[in-house]
Protein backbone atom coordinates (compact mmCIF):
# COMPACT_ATOMS: atom_id res chain seq x y z
CA MET A 1 -20.14 -36.35 -12.66
CA ILE A 2 -19.91 -32.55 -12.63
CA SER A 3 -17.06 -31.17 -14.72
CA PRO A 4 -14.44 -29.23 -12.66
CA THR A 5 -14.08 -26.83 -15.57
CA ALA A 6 -17.53 -25.37 -14.83
CA PRO A 7 -17.41 -24.96 -11.05
CA PHE A 8 -19.51 -21.91 -10.38
CA LEU A 9 -22.87 -23.43 -9.33
CA LEU A 10 -21.10 -26.27 -7.56
CA THR A 11 -18.88 -23.82 -5.68
CA ALA A 12 -21.84 -21.76 -4.56
CA LEU A 13 -23.48 -24.90 -3.20
CA LEU A 14 -20.30 -26.02 -1.43
CA LEU A 15 -19.95 -22.64 0.27
CA ALA A 16 -23.27 -23.14 1.99
CA CYS A 17 -23.15 -26.96 2.28
CA PRO A 18 -19.79 -28.08 3.69
CA LEU A 19 -18.35 -31.39 2.65
CA PRO A 20 -19.59 -34.29 4.79
CA GLY A 21 -17.24 -35.66 7.43
CA GLN A 22 -15.36 -32.40 7.94
CA GLN A 23 -15.77 -30.63 11.29
CA PRO A 24 -15.91 -26.87 10.85
CA ARG A 25 -13.93 -24.51 13.04
CA THR A 26 -15.94 -21.77 14.74
CA ASP A 27 -14.78 -18.17 14.63
CA THR A 28 -16.26 -15.56 16.96
CA ILE A 29 -16.35 -11.89 15.99
CA ASP A 30 -16.74 -9.38 18.81
CA PRO A 31 -17.12 -5.78 17.56
CA ASP A 32 -16.75 -4.43 21.10
CA VAL A 33 -13.09 -5.52 21.22
CA GLU A 34 -11.50 -2.86 19.05
CA HIS A 35 -8.08 -2.52 17.46
CA GLN A 36 -6.74 0.07 14.97
CA VAL A 37 -8.75 2.35 12.71
CA ILE A 38 -8.06 1.62 9.04
CA GLU A 39 -7.13 4.72 7.04
CA ASN A 40 -6.47 3.40 3.55
CA PHE A 41 -5.15 0.80 1.13
CA GLY A 42 -3.14 2.24 -1.74
CA ALA A 43 -0.45 2.11 -4.44
CA SER A 44 1.76 4.59 -6.31
CA ASP A 45 2.03 6.09 -9.79
CA CYS A 46 5.81 5.92 -9.81
CA TRP A 47 6.91 5.90 -12.61
CA SER A 48 4.79 4.00 -15.09
CA MET A 49 1.84 6.38 -15.12
CA GLN A 50 3.92 8.97 -16.98
CA LYS A 51 3.73 6.56 -19.93
CA LEU A 52 0.27 5.00 -19.46
CA GLY A 53 -1.26 8.40 -18.82
CA LEU A 54 -0.52 9.32 -22.45
CA TRP A 55 -2.30 6.26 -23.87
CA SER A 56 -5.60 6.33 -25.72
CA GLN A 57 -8.57 7.39 -23.63
CA ALA A 58 -10.10 3.90 -23.58
CA SER A 59 -6.91 2.24 -22.37
CA ARG A 60 -6.31 4.85 -19.68
CA GLU A 61 -9.86 4.52 -18.43
CA ARG A 62 -9.54 0.75 -18.24
CA VAL A 63 -6.40 0.95 -16.08
CA ALA A 64 -7.98 3.60 -13.85
CA ASP A 65 -11.10 1.48 -13.37
CA LEU A 66 -9.01 -1.54 -12.39
CA LEU A 67 -7.13 0.44 -9.76
CA PHE A 68 -9.72 2.83 -8.36
CA SER A 69 -13.27 1.69 -9.10
CA GLN A 70 -15.21 0.12 -6.24
CA THR A 71 -17.34 -1.83 -8.70
CA LYS A 72 -14.96 -2.63 -11.58
CA GLY A 73 -11.63 -2.87 -9.77
CA ALA A 74 -9.76 -2.99 -6.49
CA GLY A 75 -11.21 0.26 -5.12
CA LEU A 76 -7.93 1.67 -3.76
CA SER A 77 -8.51 4.38 -1.16
CA CYS A 78 -5.14 6.18 -1.37
CA TRP A 79 -3.00 7.17 -4.35
CA ARG A 80 0.68 8.01 -3.92
CA PHE A 81 1.70 10.73 -6.39
CA ASN A 82 5.41 11.00 -7.17
CA ILE A 83 6.87 14.51 -7.40
CA GLY A 84 9.60 13.88 -9.94
CA GLY A 85 13.10 15.28 -9.65
CA GLY A 86 13.58 15.91 -13.38
CA ILE A 87 14.50 13.77 -16.37
CA ASN A 88 18.00 12.41 -15.82
CA PRO A 89 19.54 10.92 -19.00
CA GLN A 90 22.10 9.06 -16.88
CA ILE A 91 19.33 6.83 -15.50
CA SER A 92 19.40 3.75 -17.70
CA ASN A 93 15.65 3.07 -17.73
CA SER A 94 13.50 5.93 -19.06
CA TRP A 95 10.55 4.53 -17.10
CA ARG A 96 12.41 5.30 -13.84
CA THR A 97 13.09 9.00 -14.23
CA ALA A 98 10.37 11.64 -14.11
CA GLU A 99 9.87 15.28 -15.03
CA THR A 100 9.94 17.98 -12.39
CA PHE A 101 7.55 20.91 -12.33
CA GLU A 102 10.42 23.25 -11.46
CA VAL A 103 12.18 25.01 -14.34
CA ALA A 104 14.16 27.43 -12.13
CA GLU A 105 14.12 28.41 -8.49
CA GLY A 106 10.55 29.51 -7.72
CA LYS A 107 9.40 29.00 -11.33
CA TYR A 108 7.29 26.08 -12.54
CA ASP A 109 5.81 24.54 -15.66
CA TRP A 110 2.51 22.99 -14.58
CA THR A 111 2.11 21.14 -17.88
CA HIS A 112 4.83 18.72 -16.79
CA GLN A 113 4.05 15.22 -15.50
CA ALA A 114 0.99 15.08 -17.76
CA GLY A 115 0.60 11.30 -17.55
CA GLU A 116 0.80 11.19 -13.78
CA ARG A 117 -1.57 14.14 -13.50
CA TRP A 118 -4.16 12.34 -15.67
CA PHE A 119 -4.20 9.39 -13.27
CA LEU A 120 -4.31 11.76 -10.30
CA ALA A 121 -7.50 13.27 -11.74
CA ALA A 122 -8.84 9.80 -12.61
CA ALA A 123 -8.36 8.67 -9.01
CA LYS A 124 -10.23 11.75 -7.75
CA ALA A 125 -13.05 11.21 -10.25
CA ARG A 126 -13.50 7.61 -9.05
CA GLY A 127 -13.80 8.65 -5.44
CA VAL A 128 -10.33 7.92 -4.06
CA PRO A 129 -10.47 9.84 -0.77
CA GLN A 130 -6.80 10.24 0.17
CA PHE A 131 -3.67 11.43 -1.63
CA LEU A 132 -0.01 11.38 -0.63
CA ALA A 133 2.73 13.24 -2.50
CA PHE A 134 6.17 11.64 -2.19
CA VAL A 135 9.70 12.40 -3.32
CA ASN A 136 12.55 10.12 -4.33
CA SER A 137 14.98 13.00 -4.93
CA PRO A 138 14.88 16.81 -5.00
CA PRO A 139 15.60 18.40 -8.40
CA GLY A 140 19.16 18.13 -9.67
CA ARG A 141 19.97 21.81 -9.15
CA MET A 142 19.64 21.29 -5.38
CA MET A 143 21.96 18.28 -5.32
CA ARG A 144 25.69 18.24 -4.59
CA ASN A 145 26.46 16.27 -7.74
CA GLY A 146 23.81 18.02 -9.85
CA ILE A 147 21.85 14.83 -10.56
CA THR A 148 19.00 12.88 -8.96
CA PHE A 149 20.97 9.90 -7.68
CA THR A 150 23.99 9.91 -5.41
CA THR A 151 27.65 9.27 -6.00
CA LYS A 152 30.39 8.44 -3.54
CA GLY A 153 32.25 11.11 -1.62
CA LEU A 154 29.28 13.41 -1.08
CA GLY A 155 28.72 13.02 2.64
CA SER A 156 25.61 11.93 4.49
CA THR A 157 23.18 13.32 1.88
CA ASN A 158 23.21 14.50 -1.72
CA LEU A 159 21.20 17.62 -0.85
CA LYS A 160 23.42 20.71 -0.89
CA PRO A 161 24.25 22.16 2.56
CA GLY A 162 21.71 24.76 3.56
CA PHE A 163 19.23 23.80 0.83
CA GLU A 164 16.65 22.32 3.20
CA GLY A 165 14.64 25.54 3.01
CA GLN A 166 14.67 25.67 -0.78
CA PHE A 167 13.62 22.04 -0.98
CA ALA A 168 10.78 22.64 1.49
CA GLN A 169 9.65 25.73 -0.44
CA TYR A 170 9.64 23.72 -3.68
CA LEU A 171 7.36 21.09 -2.10
CA VAL A 172 5.01 23.67 -0.61
CA ASP A 173 4.74 25.53 -3.93
CA ILE A 174 3.67 22.32 -5.65
CA LEU A 175 1.16 21.38 -2.94
CA ASP A 176 -0.28 24.89 -3.03
CA HIS A 177 -0.65 24.73 -6.81
CA PHE A 178 -2.73 21.58 -6.61
CA ARG A 179 -4.85 23.00 -3.78
CA ASN A 180 -5.75 26.00 -5.97
CA ASN A 181 -5.48 24.31 -9.36
CA PRO A 182 -7.41 26.22 -12.05
CA ASP A 183 -8.33 22.82 -13.52
CA PRO A 184 -11.00 21.53 -11.10
CA SER A 185 -10.37 17.91 -12.12
CA GLU A 186 -6.84 18.23 -10.65
CA ARG A 187 -7.75 20.43 -7.72
CA ILE A 188 -6.51 18.24 -4.90
CA VAL A 189 -5.54 18.94 -1.33
CA PHE A 190 -2.86 16.37 -0.59
CA ASP A 191 -3.45 14.81 2.80
CA TYR A 192 0.24 13.95 3.28
CA VAL A 193 3.65 14.80 1.90
CA SER A 194 6.59 12.43 2.24
CA PRO A 195 9.84 14.38 1.62
CA VAL A 196 12.32 11.48 1.88
CA ASN A 197 12.25 7.91 0.62
CA GLU A 198 14.25 4.97 1.99
CA PRO A 199 16.83 7.35 3.45
CA GLN A 200 19.21 4.65 4.72
CA GLY A 201 19.93 3.51 1.16
CA GLU A 202 23.13 4.59 -0.59
CA TRP A 203 21.38 5.27 -3.92
CA ASN A 204 24.70 5.21 -5.78
CA THR A 205 22.93 3.76 -8.82
CA THR A 206 21.89 4.66 -12.34
CA LYS A 207 18.68 2.64 -12.00
CA GLN A 208 16.41 5.34 -10.54
CA GLU A 209 16.15 8.57 -8.55
CA GLY A 210 17.13 8.48 -4.90
CA THR A 211 19.26 10.07 -2.19
CA ARG A 212 20.42 8.99 1.24
CA ASN A 213 19.66 11.13 4.28
CA SER A 214 20.95 10.68 7.80
CA ASN A 215 18.59 11.14 10.72
CA ALA A 216 19.97 14.64 11.28
CA ASP A 217 19.50 15.51 7.60
CA ILE A 218 15.85 14.42 7.73
CA LYS A 219 15.16 16.43 10.85
CA LYS A 220 16.45 19.60 9.16
CA ILE A 221 14.08 18.98 6.23
CA ALA A 222 11.14 18.31 8.56
CA VAL A 223 11.66 21.54 10.48
CA GLU A 224 11.81 23.65 7.31
CA LEU A 225 8.86 21.88 5.72
CA ALA A 226 6.65 22.20 8.80
CA ALA A 227 7.33 25.94 8.99
CA ARG A 228 6.46 26.53 5.33
CA LEU A 229 3.31 24.40 5.45
CA LYS A 230 2.15 26.53 8.37
CA THR A 231 3.02 29.82 6.64
CA ARG A 232 1.12 28.79 3.49
CA LYS A 233 -1.81 27.54 5.63
CA LEU A 234 -1.73 24.12 4.02
CA SER A 235 -3.49 21.28 5.83
CA THR A 236 -1.08 18.73 4.30
CA GLN A 237 0.72 16.76 7.00
CA ILE A 238 4.30 15.47 6.99
CA ALA A 239 4.66 11.70 6.57
CA LEU A 240 7.99 10.17 7.57
CA ILE A 241 10.10 7.99 7.42
CA GLU A 242 9.54 5.48 4.59
CA SER A 243 12.28 3.19 5.94
CA SER A 244 13.26 0.56 3.38
CA ARG A 245 13.84 -2.02 6.13
CA MET A 246 11.44 -2.79 8.92
CA ALA A 247 14.36 -3.68 11.19
CA ASN A 248 15.72 -0.13 10.96
CA MET A 249 12.55 1.15 12.58
CA TYR A 250 13.87 -0.23 15.89
CA SER A 251 17.63 -0.58 15.27
CA LEU A 252 20.43 1.41 13.67
CA ASN A 253 21.60 0.70 10.16
CA GLU A 254 25.11 -0.12 11.30
CA GLU A 255 26.70 -0.13 7.85
CA MET A 256 25.53 3.38 6.91
CA THR A 257 26.14 4.73 10.41
CA LYS A 258 29.73 3.48 10.31
CA GLU A 259 30.29 4.72 6.74
CA TYR A 260 29.24 8.32 7.41
CA GLY A 261 29.78 8.69 11.15
CA VAL A 262 26.20 9.82 11.81
CA ASN A 263 23.08 7.86 12.67
CA TYR A 264 20.86 6.17 10.11
CA GLY A 265 17.93 4.15 11.39
CA ASN A 266 16.52 3.39 14.85
CA TYR A 267 13.83 5.67 13.50
CA ILE A 268 11.09 5.22 16.09
CA ASP A 269 13.25 6.25 19.03
CA GLU A 270 15.12 8.96 17.14
CA PHE A 271 12.02 10.66 15.68
CA LEU A 272 9.02 9.79 17.83
CA GLY A 273 11.22 10.13 20.92
CA ASP A 274 12.48 13.57 19.90
CA PRO A 275 10.21 16.24 21.45
CA ALA A 276 11.41 18.81 18.91
CA ILE A 277 10.44 16.65 15.92
CA SER A 278 7.50 14.41 16.85
CA PRO A 279 4.99 17.32 17.13
CA LEU A 280 5.80 18.29 13.52
CA LEU A 281 4.67 14.95 12.18
CA SER A 282 1.21 13.68 11.27
CA GLY A 283 0.81 11.21 14.10
CA ARG A 284 1.71 8.56 11.53
CA PHE A 285 5.03 6.82 10.92
CA LEU A 286 5.78 4.97 7.69
CA TYR A 287 7.89 1.96 6.80
CA HIS A 288 8.37 -0.45 3.89
CA ASP A 289 8.17 -4.24 3.97
CA TYR A 290 11.20 -5.10 1.82
CA SER A 291 13.07 -8.26 2.92
CA SER A 292 10.48 -8.91 5.64
CA ASP A 293 8.66 -11.82 3.96
CA VAL A 294 11.12 -14.70 4.52
CA VAL A 295 9.35 -17.53 6.32
CA GLY A 296 11.34 -18.75 9.33
CA LYS A 297 13.57 -15.67 9.33
CA THR A 298 12.09 -12.21 8.97
CA LEU A 299 8.37 -12.83 8.40
CA LEU A 300 7.39 -13.12 12.06
CA GLU A 301 10.60 -12.14 13.80
CA TRP A 302 10.89 -8.60 12.46
CA ARG A 303 7.20 -7.89 13.03
CA GLN A 304 7.35 -9.10 16.60
CA GLN A 305 10.37 -6.91 17.28
CA LEU A 306 8.69 -3.93 15.66
CA ARG A 307 5.55 -4.48 17.74
CA LYS A 308 7.59 -4.36 20.95
CA LYS A 309 8.97 -0.99 19.91
CA GLN A 310 5.56 0.30 18.75
CA ASP A 311 4.09 -0.47 22.16
CA GLN A 312 6.50 2.04 23.68
CA TYR A 313 4.83 4.82 21.67
CA PRO A 314 1.07 4.47 22.15
CA GLY A 315 -1.14 6.75 20.10
CA TRP A 316 1.01 6.67 16.96
CA LYS A 317 -0.41 5.21 13.76
CA PHE A 318 1.92 3.09 11.68
CA TRP A 319 1.64 2.72 7.91
CA MET A 320 3.16 0.09 5.68
CA SER A 321 3.61 2.45 2.75
CA GLU A 322 5.45 0.39 0.14
CA TRP A 323 6.37 -3.16 -0.81
CA CYS A 324 6.61 -5.50 -3.74
CA CYS A 325 8.03 -8.98 -4.21
CA THR A 326 9.92 -8.61 -7.45
CA ALA A 327 10.78 -12.31 -7.64
CA PRO A 328 7.54 -14.23 -8.25
CA VAL A 329 6.87 -17.24 -6.08
CA GLY A 330 5.58 -20.70 -6.85
CA ALA A 331 2.99 -22.69 -4.96
CA ASP A 332 5.83 -24.04 -2.80
CA GLY A 333 6.93 -20.50 -1.88
CA ALA A 334 10.17 -20.71 -3.88
CA PRO A 335 11.19 -17.81 -6.17
CA ARG A 336 10.42 -18.04 -9.87
CA ARG A 337 11.58 -16.06 -12.88
CA GLY A 338 9.21 -13.70 -14.66
CA ARG A 339 5.94 -12.01 -13.75
CA ASP A 340 3.24 -14.03 -12.06
CA LEU A 341 -0.43 -13.18 -12.49
CA THR A 342 -1.63 -16.14 -10.40
CA MET A 343 -2.53 -16.80 -6.77
CA ASN A 344 1.05 -17.83 -6.00
CA THR A 345 2.17 -14.25 -5.55
CA ALA A 346 -1.27 -13.05 -4.44
CA LEU A 347 -1.24 -15.46 -1.49
CA ALA A 348 2.34 -14.60 -0.51
CA VAL A 349 1.34 -10.93 -0.41
CA ALA A 350 -1.94 -11.67 1.40
CA ARG A 351 0.01 -13.34 4.18
CA VAL A 352 2.22 -10.27 4.59
CA MET A 353 -0.83 -7.98 4.58
CA HIS A 354 -2.55 -10.08 7.23
CA LEU A 355 0.50 -10.04 9.52
CA ASP A 356 1.05 -6.30 9.12
CA LEU A 357 -2.60 -5.66 9.97
CA THR A 358 -2.82 -8.04 12.92
CA ILE A 359 0.66 -7.97 14.51
CA ASN A 360 1.71 -4.39 13.80
CA ASN A 361 -1.78 -2.90 13.69
CA VAL A 362 -0.97 -0.84 10.60
CA SER A 363 -3.57 1.77 9.76
CA ALA A 364 -2.66 1.78 6.08
CA TRP A 365 -1.17 -0.76 3.68
CA GLN A 366 0.17 0.36 0.30
CA TRP A 367 1.59 -1.65 -2.59
CA TRP A 368 4.43 -0.26 -4.67
CA LEU A 369 3.38 0.21 -8.32
CA GLY A 370 -0.12 0.59 -9.64
CA ALA A 371 1.12 -0.63 -13.04
CA THR A 372 4.34 -1.99 -14.52
CA ASN A 373 5.77 -3.05 -17.86
CA VAL A 374 8.63 -5.22 -16.57
CA ASN A 375 8.97 -8.95 -16.12
CA THR A 376 8.88 -8.87 -12.32
CA ASN A 377 6.14 -8.77 -9.71
CA ASP A 378 6.04 -5.12 -8.75
CA GLY A 379 2.68 -4.05 -10.19
CA LEU A 380 -1.03 -4.63 -9.74
CA VAL A 381 -1.73 -4.10 -13.44
CA TYR A 382 0.69 -5.25 -16.16
CA THR A 383 1.42 -4.27 -19.73
CA ASP A 384 3.82 -5.35 -22.45
CA TYR A 385 3.92 -1.78 -23.76
CA GLN A 386 7.43 -0.32 -24.01
CA LYS A 387 7.27 2.62 -26.42
CA PRO A 388 4.79 4.65 -28.48
CA GLY A 389 3.32 2.50 -31.24
CA ASP A 390 3.32 -0.70 -29.17
CA PRO A 391 -0.06 -2.30 -28.41
CA GLU A 392 -1.62 -0.86 -25.24
CA THR A 393 -2.01 -4.23 -23.55
CA VAL A 394 -3.52 -4.46 -20.06
CA TYR A 395 -3.42 -7.53 -17.81
CA SER A 396 -4.94 -7.66 -14.35
CA SER A 397 -3.30 -9.90 -11.77
CA ARG A 398 -4.83 -12.02 -9.04
CA LEU A 399 -2.74 -9.79 -6.77
CA LEU A 400 -4.85 -6.78 -7.83
CA TRP A 401 -8.08 -8.59 -6.99
CA MET A 402 -6.69 -9.98 -3.71
CA ILE A 403 -5.84 -6.47 -2.53
CA GLY A 404 -9.39 -5.60 -3.54
CA ASN A 405 -10.57 -8.20 -1.02
CA TYR A 406 -9.36 -5.65 1.53
CA SER A 407 -9.50 -2.25 -0.15
CA ARG A 408 -12.95 -2.47 -1.73
CA PHE A 409 -14.72 -3.49 1.47
CA ILE A 410 -12.60 -2.11 4.33
CA ARG A 411 -13.01 1.58 3.74
CA PRO A 412 -11.31 4.49 5.54
CA GLY A 413 -12.62 4.91 9.07
CA MET A 414 -13.54 1.28 9.62
CA ARG A 415 -11.94 -0.38 12.63
CA ARG A 416 -10.32 -3.77 13.02
CA ILE A 417 -12.12 -5.84 15.66
CA GLU A 418 -11.50 -9.09 17.48
CA LEU A 419 -11.89 -12.36 15.59
CA SER A 420 -11.11 -15.32 17.84
CA GLY A 421 -11.04 -19.07 17.38
CA VAL A 422 -8.38 -21.50 16.23
CA GLU A 423 -4.97 -19.80 16.06
CA ASN A 424 -3.95 -18.30 12.71
CA ASP A 425 -1.67 -20.53 10.63
CA ILE A 426 0.79 -18.81 8.26
CA GLN A 427 0.84 -21.97 6.15
CA GLY A 428 -2.91 -22.53 6.40
CA LEU A 429 -5.85 -20.29 7.33
CA MET A 430 -5.53 -16.69 8.54
CA ARG A 431 -8.34 -14.24 9.16
CA SER A 432 -9.21 -10.77 10.44
CA ALA A 433 -12.41 -8.74 10.92
CA TYR A 434 -13.45 -5.08 10.61
CA LYS A 435 -16.56 -3.06 11.38
CA ASP A 436 -18.49 -0.12 10.02
CA GLU A 437 -20.53 0.74 13.10
CA ALA A 438 -22.68 3.41 11.48
CA GLY A 439 -23.36 1.23 8.45
CA ARG A 440 -24.15 -1.85 10.59
CA LYS A 441 -21.58 -3.84 8.65
CA ILE A 442 -18.90 -6.35 9.62
CA VAL A 443 -16.28 -7.55 7.13
CA ALA A 444 -14.17 -10.68 7.62
CA VAL A 445 -11.22 -11.53 5.35
CA TYR A 446 -9.98 -15.13 5.16
CA VAL A 447 -6.64 -16.07 3.60
CA ASN A 448 -6.38 -19.80 2.89
CA MET A 449 -2.78 -20.69 2.02
CA ALA A 450 -3.54 -24.43 2.16
CA SER A 451 -4.13 -26.77 -0.76
CA GLU A 452 -7.34 -27.97 0.87
CA PRO A 453 -10.61 -26.13 1.51
CA GLN A 454 -11.38 -25.01 5.05
CA ARG A 455 -14.77 -25.18 6.78
CA VAL A 456 -15.74 -22.34 9.09
CA GLY A 457 -18.74 -21.27 11.10
CA LEU A 458 -19.16 -17.63 12.14
CA HIS A 459 -20.61 -16.43 15.43
CA PHE A 460 -21.25 -12.73 16.08
CA VAL A 461 -21.24 -11.30 19.61
CA LEU A 462 -23.32 -8.17 19.16
CA GLY A 463 -23.59 -7.07 22.78
CA LYS A 464 -26.21 -4.36 23.25
CA ARG A 465 -26.62 -3.71 19.53
CA SER A 466 -30.15 -4.17 18.30
CA TRP A 467 -28.89 -5.63 15.01
CA LYS A 468 -30.39 -8.43 12.97
CA LEU A 469 -28.30 -10.25 10.34
CA GLN A 470 -29.63 -9.31 6.92
CA SER A 471 -27.13 -10.92 4.55
CA LEU A 472 -23.79 -12.72 4.51
CA THR A 473 -22.16 -12.26 1.10
CA PRO A 474 -18.87 -13.92 0.07
CA TYR A 475 -16.40 -12.47 -2.47
CA ILE A 476 -13.64 -14.80 -3.66
CA THR A 477 -10.30 -14.40 -5.40
CA SER A 478 -8.68 -17.65 -6.51
CA ASP A 479 -7.15 -19.23 -9.61
CA ARG A 480 -10.50 -20.60 -10.70
CA GLU A 481 -11.86 -19.02 -13.86
CA GLY A 482 -13.92 -15.96 -12.99
CA ASP A 483 -12.73 -15.71 -9.38
CA GLU A 484 -11.54 -12.11 -9.59
CA LEU A 485 -13.19 -10.78 -6.46
CA LYS A 486 -16.25 -12.69 -7.60
CA ALA A 487 -19.46 -12.24 -5.63
CA TYR A 488 -21.20 -15.52 -4.77
CA PRO A 489 -24.77 -16.01 -3.52
CA PRO A 490 -25.38 -15.05 0.11
CA LEU A 491 -24.64 -17.70 2.72
CA PRO A 492 -27.42 -19.06 4.93
CA ALA A 493 -27.15 -17.62 8.43
CA GLY A 494 -25.98 -20.00 11.11
CA GLN A 495 -24.46 -22.56 8.77
CA ALA A 496 -20.81 -23.41 8.28
CA PHE A 497 -19.33 -22.56 4.92
CA GLU A 498 -16.30 -23.54 2.90
CA ILE A 499 -13.30 -21.39 2.05
CA PRO A 500 -11.81 -22.74 -1.19
CA ALA A 501 -8.23 -23.96 -1.32
CA ARG A 502 -5.59 -21.31 -2.09
CA SER A 503 -8.02 -18.44 -2.05
CA VAL A 504 -8.81 -15.15 -0.35
CA MET A 505 -12.43 -14.78 0.68
CA THR A 506 -14.11 -11.65 2.02
CA ILE A 507 -17.42 -12.07 3.82
CA VAL A 508 -19.59 -8.97 4.16
CA ALA A 509 -22.13 -9.29 6.96
CA GLN A 510 -24.84 -6.67 6.62
CA PHE A 511 -27.11 -6.08 9.58
CA ALA A 512 -30.42 -4.23 9.89
CA ALA A 513 -31.99 -2.57 12.89
CA ARG A 514 -34.44 -4.75 14.77
């Protein structure tokens, strides 16, 4: 009897030699049936990197490798850099308030945000190809209440009337500094700037930075920002809208609209349908996945509604630019207390990723925090560190490696292609496929939510391509020891293989010219 505690050789054999008596399903991949181009998979530095970026060199490098390396980590292809609004002592958690570069109107201290800047440089050094700068709140001096979160009685936004131009100038000054940075390690041209975050939220809270913005408020900011980007000859493009609720992409936020007497939400129609605003944007429109993961309620329903609205605006690229499930989940899908480093959360997130990619054709998918020190599931990397002098602990999660099943192998510019066969099962097996035409590569990602292994055979329809299959390599993330995006021996061509229970498996098919 082979011990289950040493499964590696056995697992490799099972992948190529399916269990007797089980009939494999057959999946067909047709690279001529094309869907969306993938632009990136990412996460943000907000706000933990201001602390971790001041750690010892070895600890910083370890975290950076886990996030950005294509050989040692998840290989993220986009990094979201937070432009802080300034330390606000009224915010109860010091990890959720950040320095601002601005010291007075038009004057800056570029030594600020040292921790975040270190990770920005580390991402660049490890080959991360895309960068997005985003804002939770403008600096306090621009705000009606003088602080970086809102309070009641301030109107539709906390930004002072007429300060849209100053706010836009502040953003452009920062982007221009990084473009021409005298330190070459931090010389970065940001691809995108996101000036508002979750604008339909009240943000009357001492928990973190944030400000509400009505649709009209956002449009004023977009106009001013577009003009200043053009004047400064910056290639950075405006990324809106970062809606906190998927449903508000296609419907009004009735509560906020009633409260302030102006529209919040229905963002696709109000922005993409506005001929004065849509040309100012990047051709991309951003939303967050919060509250959209409830099976039987929002998981499919919201995505199907969003897809109907998306279809009315062909040519636009949609990004899922932020999400986390702060309440960890058990194997039964029920919430649990405390952080979860296992496949329970990784699989719940994998299901959401799969649906965003295949129903809503998102071009980018970005997790919330790169790292966290709290006892919830909002990070890819975890630490128990709270203050200087504490041990610089680092824990990777199966969630990190699961996202790597996508981000390490599906690189910017690859295109999702048709994978057909038995219908996807949100409680069982889901799969999608992607191609790198120039590299003669096809990548398939399988998400097995089930407690039993699944047998699959792959058939490639290559059309007129003079390709010959060279190798079929599986990479697996599961709860088994060592399965952290683990590479297994290549699979024999033409044979069915097994996808382990409760796992995510990426298969890289490499072809050669005949």
